[in-house]
Amino acid sequence: MQIGIIGLGRMGANIARRLMKNGHTVVGYDASAAAVKALEGASGAASLADMVQKLAAPRAVWVMLPAGKITEDTIAELGGLLSKGDCVIDGGNTFFKDDIRRAKALAPKDIAYLDVGTSGGVWGLERGYCMMIGGEKASVDRLDPIFKSLAPGAGDIAKTPNREAADPRVSEGYMHAGPAGSGHFVKMVHNGIEYGLMQAYAEGFDIMRGRNSDKLPADERFDINAGDVAEVWRRGSVVASWLLDLTAIALAKSETLEEFSGKVDDSGEGRWTIAAAMDEAVAAPVITAALYARFRSRSENTFGKSCCRPCGRNLVAMSRARSIRQRMSANEHAVAQVAAVALRHRHLRRQWRSDQAVDYSGALQSGAHPASSHQPVAGRGGPQQEDQRGMDGAAEGLPGASTGQEQ
């Protein structure tokens, strides 16, 4: 099939290369002429209008740009250039409600709109891309050869029992999730889950590393090789995953991870996932805590920390004074006890962390998933946007059409 691809950064260019490798014809466009020239085997376009002219009807145009204004403007321009029966595909990390709005705007012109949550990052060229597709069934079916070529395929993963009657495309690594917006909605939750998994791994390895502290009794200290643990868990363990594979790679290069600051950025998807959970009254404590941990990793000090010290100390001092303690209610006693525990925790953490040059938990996340330490583009309503920058919660820079920034 023939397809146009807009945004030829590492992600967009690799999607184009995988398609060409599987016999498809690509017309590529990027605001950077160098990016267009670098895509060997593709037909380059000088503008969006030029791309549309070079595509045979019914056309398919894949937009791989940062979520936000640049994608919004590009799709709006395409809406004026494309014709009845053509299809716009947004493969970035767009907010799903924007997809719903765009699909409705293009519908009167009989231009189809598909939102494709794309997971696979910079490894997708070789491994393939897991895709979650939203939009009308007719357009999804028409473009199935494109999605099938991009997908990883069944591989050597064992088949899940009792799925004989299920959609076979799912076992190949791509699915039609539902109407417009559903593809990016599923991908949004996917990235929220990724946050929780990364945070759990980071905390676990941090606990193991801390076991060799001289603040512990000598016979309870263990000098555990974190790299060896990551490697052994990759084989037969119930916590094995691709994220663990990346962790093992990072630890094999540097067990201390001292070259990483431990500051971890967040993407719009994490915030949007929590917002969706609030809309649905669904408890999401793990994903929420993981997002807040990222916030904290970027704060050297906060006003709240400064407030907490004198307030907590005063509460504890009051609870220790017999004359005041006798007049305190049960709730006031409980608050004072919590304050005492918090102060003790802070004291211990300062003691233990004095031996470490970096926050190992944060460094593990930014080291195992280097994209997480990059600065993403500011996106919709404040949340920062990421695309597939290594893993899915982080984007590679998209030159040219993306103004050289990260998606």
Protein backbone atom coordinates (compact mmCIF):
# COMPACT_ATOMS: atom_id res chain seq x y z
CA MET A 1 0.00 0.00 0.00
CA GLN A 2 0.93 3.64 -0.33
CA ILE A 3 0.97 5.88 2.73
CA GLY A 4 2.13 9.38 3.65
CA ILE A 5 4.04 9.92 6.88
CA ILE A 6 4.39 13.34 8.48
CA GLY A 7 7.11 13.78 11.11
CA LEU A 8 10.33 11.92 10.33
CA GLY A 9 12.03 11.83 13.71
CA ARG A 10 13.37 8.51 14.97
CA MET A 11 9.89 7.16 15.63
CA GLY A 12 8.24 8.36 12.42
CA ALA A 13 11.26 7.48 10.28
CA ASN A 14 11.44 3.96 11.73
CA ILE A 15 7.74 3.41 11.07
CA ALA A 16 8.40 4.43 7.46
CA ARG A 17 11.41 2.11 7.22
CA ARG A 18 9.52 -0.86 8.60
CA LEU A 19 6.69 -0.28 6.13
CA MET A 20 9.08 -0.01 3.19
CA LYS A 21 10.88 -3.11 4.40
CA ASN A 22 7.55 -4.92 4.09
CA GLY A 23 6.87 -3.72 0.55
CA HIS A 24 4.81 -0.57 1.15
CA THR A 25 5.40 2.76 -0.60
CA VAL A 26 6.03 5.82 1.58
CA VAL A 27 5.76 9.51 0.82
CA GLY A 28 7.51 11.35 3.65
CA TYR A 29 7.27 14.92 4.83
CA ASP A 30 9.08 16.82 7.55
CA ALA A 31 9.73 20.54 7.93
CA SER A 32 13.41 19.58 7.99
CA ALA A 33 14.59 18.91 4.44
CA ALA A 34 17.52 16.97 5.90
CA ALA A 35 15.12 14.56 7.64
CA VAL A 36 13.26 13.97 4.38
CA LYS A 37 16.52 13.38 2.51
CA ALA A 38 17.76 10.97 5.18
CA LEU A 39 14.78 8.64 4.66
CA GLU A 40 16.20 6.45 1.91
CA GLY A 41 13.71 4.64 -0.29
CA ALA A 42 10.85 7.05 0.34
CA SER A 43 9.46 9.70 -1.96
CA GLY A 44 9.99 13.08 -0.33
CA ALA A 45 7.42 15.86 -0.19
CA ALA A 46 8.14 19.56 0.05
CA SER A 47 4.88 20.43 1.82
CA LEU A 48 1.62 18.91 3.01
CA ALA A 49 -0.03 19.91 -0.24
CA ASP A 50 2.80 18.27 -2.19
CA MET A 51 2.36 15.09 -0.17
CA VAL A 52 -1.37 14.96 -0.86
CA GLN A 53 -0.67 15.41 -4.59
CA LYS A 54 1.78 12.50 -4.58
CA LEU A 55 -0.65 10.11 -2.87
CA ALA A 56 -3.21 8.15 -4.90
CA ALA A 57 -6.82 8.20 -3.68
CA PRO A 58 -8.10 6.92 -1.36
CA ARG A 59 -5.20 8.38 0.62
CA ALA A 60 -3.85 7.47 4.04
CA VAL A 61 -1.70 9.97 5.96
CA TRP A 62 0.03 8.98 9.21
CA VAL A 63 0.82 11.95 11.49
CA MET A 64 3.69 11.29 13.91
CA LEU A 65 4.14 14.60 15.72
CA PRO A 66 4.11 15.83 19.34
CA ALA A 67 0.65 16.05 20.86
CA GLY A 68 -0.59 19.62 20.99
CA LYS A 69 -0.60 22.59 18.65
CA ILE A 70 1.65 21.17 15.93
CA THR A 71 -0.52 18.08 15.54
CA GLU A 72 -3.70 20.14 15.80
CA ASP A 73 -2.56 22.54 13.06
CA THR A 74 -1.32 19.73 10.81
CA ILE A 75 -4.58 17.77 10.97
CA ALA A 76 -6.61 20.93 10.41
CA GLU A 77 -4.58 21.69 7.27
CA LEU A 78 -4.95 18.11 6.06
CA GLY A 79 -8.70 18.45 6.49
CA GLY A 80 -8.65 21.15 3.82
CA LEU A 81 -6.40 19.20 1.45
CA LEU A 82 -7.77 15.64 1.58
CA SER A 83 -10.85 14.35 -0.19
CA LYS A 84 -13.81 12.06 0.43
CA GLY A 85 -12.65 8.55 1.32
CA ASP A 86 -9.20 9.61 2.55
CA CYS A 87 -7.98 8.82 6.06
CA VAL A 88 -5.94 10.70 8.67
CA ILE A 89 -4.05 8.59 11.23
CA ASP A 90 -2.69 10.15 14.43
CA GLY A 91 -0.01 7.81 15.76
CA GLY A 92 1.30 10.10 18.51
CA ASN A 93 0.19 10.40 22.12
CA THR A 94 -2.84 12.62 21.70
CA PHE A 95 -5.44 13.21 24.43
CA PHE A 96 -8.33 10.90 23.54
CA LYS A 97 -10.98 13.61 23.82
CA ASP A 98 -9.15 15.57 21.13
CA ASP A 99 -9.47 12.52 18.87
CA ILE A 100 -13.23 12.45 19.38
CA ARG A 101 -13.48 16.12 18.46
CA ARG A 102 -11.29 15.78 15.36
CA ALA A 103 -13.18 12.74 14.08
CA LYS A 104 -16.42 14.69 14.34
CA ALA A 105 -14.90 17.68 12.53
CA LEU A 106 -13.67 15.55 9.61
CA ALA A 107 -16.80 13.41 9.32
CA PRO A 108 -18.89 15.97 7.28
CA LYS A 109 -16.12 15.87 4.64
CA ASP A 110 -16.21 12.04 4.62
CA ILE A 111 -12.58 11.98 5.74
CA ALA A 112 -11.92 9.13 8.15
CA TYR A 113 -9.90 9.61 11.32
CA LEU A 114 -8.02 6.87 13.18
CA ASP A 115 -6.18 7.30 16.48
CA VAL A 116 -3.41 4.75 16.92
CA GLY A 117 -1.77 4.32 20.31
CA THR A 118 1.69 3.12 19.28
CA SER A 119 3.99 1.29 21.67
CA GLY A 120 7.45 0.07 20.81
CA GLY A 121 9.64 3.13 20.82
CA VAL A 122 12.94 3.24 18.99
CA TRP A 123 13.11 -0.57 19.02
CA GLY A 124 9.99 -0.84 16.88
CA LEU A 125 11.89 -0.98 13.61
CA GLU A 126 13.17 -4.45 14.48
CA ARG A 127 10.69 -5.65 17.10
CA GLY A 128 7.52 -4.18 15.64
CA TYR A 129 4.92 -1.91 17.22
CA CYS A 130 2.04 -2.81 19.50
CA MET A 131 -0.93 -0.77 18.29
CA MET A 132 -4.28 0.14 19.79
CA ILE A 133 -6.53 1.58 17.09
CA GLY A 134 -9.63 3.74 17.43
CA GLY A 135 -11.99 4.68 14.61
CA GLU A 136 -14.48 3.33 12.11
CA LYS A 137 -14.19 -0.37 11.30
CA ALA A 138 -14.24 0.17 7.52
CA SER A 139 -11.11 2.33 7.63
CA VAL A 140 -9.34 0.02 10.07
CA ASP A 141 -10.05 -2.94 7.80
CA ARG A 142 -8.93 -1.08 4.66
CA LEU A 143 -5.60 -0.20 6.24
CA ASP A 144 -5.05 -3.62 7.81
CA PRO A 145 -2.00 -4.34 5.58
CA ILE A 146 -0.30 -1.27 7.08
CA PHE A 147 -1.03 -2.28 10.66
CA LYS A 148 -0.11 -5.92 10.05
CA SER A 149 3.29 -4.90 8.67
CA LEU A 150 4.01 -2.62 11.63
CA ALA A 151 2.89 -5.13 14.27
CA PRO A 152 5.40 -7.51 15.87
CA GLY A 153 3.44 -10.65 14.96
CA ALA A 154 2.68 -13.62 17.19
CA GLY A 155 6.36 -14.51 17.61
CA ASP A 156 7.18 -17.29 20.05
CA ILE A 157 4.75 -16.15 22.76
CA ALA A 158 2.53 -19.03 23.83
CA LYS A 159 -1.11 -18.72 22.80
CA THR A 160 -3.57 -17.82 25.55
CA PRO A 161 -6.10 -20.63 26.12
CA ASN A 162 -9.79 -20.11 25.28
CA ARG A 163 -9.17 -17.34 22.73
CA GLU A 164 -9.91 -19.37 19.63
CA ALA A 165 -12.97 -17.25 18.76
CA ALA A 166 -11.27 -13.90 19.52
CA ASP A 167 -10.02 -11.38 16.97
CA PRO A 168 -6.81 -12.95 15.57
CA ARG A 169 -5.22 -9.52 15.07
CA VAL A 170 -4.81 -9.16 18.83
CA SER A 171 -2.41 -12.12 18.91
CA GLU A 172 -0.39 -10.40 16.19
CA GLY A 173 0.11 -7.29 18.33
CA TYR A 174 -2.59 -4.87 17.15
CA MET A 175 -6.26 -4.35 17.93
CA HIS A 176 -9.29 -2.33 16.95
CA ALA A 177 -10.19 -0.92 20.36
CA GLY A 178 -13.42 0.81 19.33
CA PRO A 179 -14.63 4.20 18.00
CA ALA A 180 -12.55 7.37 17.68
CA GLY A 181 -10.57 8.12 20.84
CA SER A 182 -10.53 4.56 22.15
CA GLY A 183 -7.11 3.73 20.74
CA HIS A 184 -5.38 6.61 22.48
CA PHE A 185 -7.46 5.99 25.61
CA VAL A 186 -6.12 2.43 25.89
CA LYS A 187 -2.58 3.67 25.17
CA MET A 188 -3.01 6.36 27.83
CA VAL A 189 -3.83 3.73 30.46
CA HIS A 190 -0.95 1.62 29.14
CA ASN A 191 1.46 4.45 29.94
CA GLY A 192 -0.12 4.98 33.36
CA ILE A 193 0.50 1.30 34.14
CA GLU A 194 4.07 1.71 32.90
CA TYR A 195 4.57 4.44 35.52
CA GLY A 196 3.50 2.10 38.30
CA LEU A 197 5.70 -0.75 37.08
CA MET A 198 8.75 1.46 36.76
CA GLN A 199 8.23 2.90 40.23
CA ALA A 200 7.83 -0.59 41.76
CA TYR A 201 11.05 -1.81 40.16
CA ALA A 202 12.89 1.33 41.29
CA GLU A 203 11.70 1.03 44.88
CA GLY A 204 12.52 -2.67 45.03
CA PHE A 205 16.07 -2.23 43.80
CA ASP A 206 16.49 0.75 46.13
CA ILE A 207 15.51 -1.44 49.09
CA MET A 208 18.04 -4.09 48.07
CA ARG A 209 20.78 -1.51 47.65
CA GLY A 210 20.03 0.00 51.05
CA ARG A 211 20.50 -3.35 52.76
CA ASN A 212 24.26 -2.82 52.90
CA SER A 213 23.98 0.35 54.99
CA ASP A 214 26.23 0.66 58.02
CA LYS A 215 23.16 1.89 59.93
CA LEU A 216 21.95 -1.72 60.06
CA PRO A 217 23.28 -4.47 62.37
CA ALA A 218 26.34 -6.08 60.79
CA ASP A 219 24.76 -9.53 60.53
CA GLU A 220 21.71 -8.10 58.73
CA ARG A 221 23.64 -6.37 55.98
CA PHE A 222 23.72 -7.87 52.49
CA ASP A 223 25.89 -6.64 49.64
CA ILE A 224 23.50 -7.63 46.87
CA ASN A 225 24.52 -7.27 43.24
CA ALA A 226 21.54 -5.46 41.72
CA GLY A 227 22.65 -6.22 38.17
CA ASP A 228 22.72 -9.94 38.90
CA VAL A 229 19.28 -9.76 40.51
CA ALA A 230 17.83 -8.00 37.45
CA GLU A 231 19.39 -10.63 35.19
CA VAL A 232 18.18 -13.62 37.17
CA TRP A 233 14.66 -12.19 37.43
CA ARG A 234 14.52 -12.06 33.64
CA ARG A 235 14.49 -15.85 33.57
CA GLY A 236 11.45 -17.63 34.95
CA SER A 237 10.43 -14.92 37.42
CA VAL A 238 6.85 -13.68 37.62
CA VAL A 239 8.15 -10.08 37.52
CA ALA A 240 9.97 -10.56 34.20
CA SER A 241 9.12 -7.90 31.59
CA TRP A 242 10.62 -5.73 28.90
CA LEU A 243 10.99 -2.95 31.48
CA LEU A 244 13.08 -5.36 33.56
CA ASP A 245 15.16 -6.17 30.47
CA LEU A 246 15.95 -2.46 30.12
CA THR A 247 16.75 -2.25 33.83
CA ALA A 248 19.20 -5.15 33.52
CA ILE A 249 20.89 -3.44 30.55
CA ALA A 250 21.31 -0.20 32.53
CA LEU A 251 22.67 -1.96 35.63
CA ALA A 252 25.11 -3.99 33.54
CA LYS A 253 26.60 -0.71 32.33
CA SER A 254 26.63 1.00 35.74
CA GLU A 255 25.43 -0.63 38.95
CA THR A 256 25.62 2.62 40.93
CA LEU A 257 23.92 4.73 38.21
CA GLU A 258 25.87 7.72 39.48
CA GLU A 259 25.78 9.36 36.06
CA PHE A 260 22.02 9.88 36.40
CA SER A 261 20.45 12.64 38.49
CA GLY A 262 17.38 10.67 39.51
CA LYS A 263 15.04 13.37 38.23
CA VAL A 264 12.23 11.76 36.25
CA ASP A 265 9.83 13.66 34.00
CA ASP A 266 6.18 12.76 33.58
CA SER A 267 4.00 12.57 30.50
CA GLY A 268 0.50 13.78 29.81
CA GLU A 269 -0.69 10.18 29.79
CA GLY A 270 0.00 9.67 33.48
CA ARG A 271 -2.03 12.73 34.45
CA TRP A 272 -4.78 11.92 31.96
CA THR A 273 -5.04 8.37 33.31
CA ILE A 274 -5.56 9.66 36.83
CA ALA A 275 -8.10 12.21 35.58
CA ALA A 276 -10.00 9.39 33.85
CA ALA A 277 -9.94 7.38 37.06
CA MET A 278 -11.45 10.36 38.91
CA ASP A 279 -14.16 10.72 36.23
CA GLU A 280 -15.04 7.05 36.72
CA ALA A 281 -14.61 7.02 40.52
CA VAL A 282 -12.02 4.26 40.13
CA ALA A 283 -9.31 4.02 42.78
CA ALA A 284 -5.85 4.24 41.20
CA PRO A 285 -3.44 4.62 44.15
CA VAL A 286 -0.42 2.96 42.51
CA ILE A 287 -0.47 5.03 39.32
CA THR A 288 -1.19 8.20 41.30
CA ALA A 289 1.63 7.57 43.77
CA ALA A 290 4.02 6.81 40.88
CA LEU A 291 3.16 10.13 39.24
CA TYR A 292 3.63 12.00 42.53
CA ALA A 293 6.99 10.26 43.00
CA ARG A 294 8.06 11.77 39.69
CA PHE A 295 6.95 15.20 40.85
CA ARG A 296 8.99 14.82 44.02
CA SER A 297 12.06 13.58 42.12
CA ARG A 298 12.26 16.96 40.39
CA SER A 299 12.03 19.01 43.61
CA GLU A 300 15.22 19.73 45.50
CA ASN A 301 13.17 21.35 48.23
CA THR A 302 9.59 22.52 48.55
CA PHE A 303 7.70 24.94 50.72
CA GLY A 304 5.76 21.99 52.10
CA LYS A 305 8.95 20.34 53.32
CA SER A 306 9.95 23.56 55.07
CA CYS A 307 6.51 23.86 56.67
CA CYS A 308 6.52 20.27 57.81
CA ARG A 309 9.62 20.51 59.97
CA PRO A 310 8.56 23.16 62.52
CA CYS A 311 4.92 22.06 62.46
CA GLY A 312 5.79 18.43 63.08
CA ARG A 313 8.28 19.22 65.81
CA ASN A 314 5.79 21.45 67.61
CA LEU A 315 3.12 18.74 67.47
CA VAL A 316 5.49 16.15 68.87
CA ALA A 317 6.72 18.51 71.58
CA MET A 318 3.13 19.29 72.56
CA SER A 319 2.23 15.61 72.79
CA ARG A 320 5.19 15.01 75.08
CA ALA A 321 4.18 17.76 77.51
CA ARG A 322 2.00 16.06 80.16
CA SER A 323 -0.14 19.14 80.84
CA ILE A 324 -0.99 19.49 77.16
CA ARG A 325 -1.24 15.77 76.49
CA GLN A 326 -3.99 15.39 79.08
CA ARG A 327 -6.16 17.94 77.23
CA MET A 328 -5.61 16.47 73.75
CA SER A 329 -8.44 14.62 72.04
CA ALA A 330 -8.01 11.18 70.53
CA ASN A 331 -7.74 12.73 67.06
CA GLU A 332 -5.09 15.17 68.23
CA HIS A 333 -3.10 12.30 69.75
CA ALA A 334 -3.32 10.44 66.43
CA VAL A 335 -2.11 13.44 64.45
CA ALA A 336 0.82 13.88 66.82
CA GLN A 337 1.73 10.20 66.48
CA VAL A 338 1.68 10.46 62.70
CA ALA A 339 3.88 13.55 62.91
CA ALA A 340 6.33 11.69 65.13
CA VAL A 341 6.54 8.80 62.66
CA ALA A 342 7.04 11.21 59.76
CA LEU A 343 9.82 13.02 61.57
CA ARG A 344 11.49 9.73 62.45
CA HIS A 345 11.22 8.62 58.82
CA ARG A 346 12.80 11.87 57.62
CA HIS A 347 15.60 11.53 60.16
CA LEU A 348 16.38 7.96 59.13
CA ARG A 349 16.21 8.80 55.43
CA ARG A 350 18.66 11.67 55.89
CA GLN A 351 21.01 9.34 57.74
CA TRP A 352 20.83 6.60 55.16
CA ARG A 353 20.96 8.90 52.15
CA SER A 354 24.04 10.68 53.46
CA ASP A 355 26.04 7.70 52.14
CA GLN A 356 24.64 7.97 48.61
CA ALA A 357 25.58 10.52 46.00
CA VAL A 358 22.30 10.14 44.12
CA ASP A 359 18.74 9.04 44.69
CA TYR A 360 19.12 5.43 43.51
CA SER A 361 15.39 4.90 43.02
CA GLY A 362 15.04 7.89 40.71
CA ALA A 363 18.35 7.21 39.01
CA LEU A 364 17.24 3.65 38.26
CA GLN A 365 14.17 4.95 36.42
CA SER A 366 16.09 7.56 34.43
CA GLY A 367 18.97 5.14 33.84
CA ALA A 368 17.02 2.08 32.81
CA HIS A 369 14.70 4.26 30.76
CA PRO A 370 16.92 7.19 29.75
CA ALA A 371 14.04 8.92 28.01
CA SER A 372 12.44 9.56 31.38
CA SER A 373 15.18 12.04 32.24
CA HIS A 374 14.67 14.09 29.06
CA GLN A 375 12.67 17.28 28.95
CA PRO A 376 9.40 16.69 27.07
CA VAL A 377 7.39 19.32 25.28
CA ALA A 378 4.84 21.19 27.38
CA GLY A 379 1.45 19.91 26.33
CA ARG A 380 -2.28 20.22 26.79
CA GLY A 381 -3.33 22.07 29.93
CA GLY A 382 0.08 21.83 31.57
CA PRO A 383 0.86 18.09 31.44
CA GLN A 384 4.10 17.40 29.67
CA GLN A 385 3.92 15.26 26.56
CA GLU A 386 5.97 12.22 25.81
CA ASP A 387 5.88 9.77 23.01
CA GLN A 388 8.07 6.77 22.44
CA ARG A 389 11.47 7.97 23.62
CA GLY A 390 12.95 4.55 24.29
CA MET A 391 9.89 3.28 26.09
CA ASP A 392 6.40 4.58 25.50
CA GLY A 393 6.37 7.15 28.20
CA ALA A 394 9.12 9.06 26.45
CA ALA A 395 9.68 10.35 22.93
CA GLU A 396 12.56 10.61 20.56
CA GLY A 397 13.18 14.06 19.13
CA LEU A 398 11.30 14.69 15.93
CA PRO A 399 13.27 17.08 13.75
CA GLY A 400 11.76 19.50 11.36
CA ALA A 401 8.01 19.18 11.51
CA SER A 402 8.32 18.85 15.25
CA THR A 403 10.69 21.83 15.37
CA GLY A 404 13.41 19.51 16.66
CA GLN A 405 11.68 18.98 19.97
CA GLU A 406 10.66 15.77 21.64
CA GLN A 407 7.22 14.26 21.33
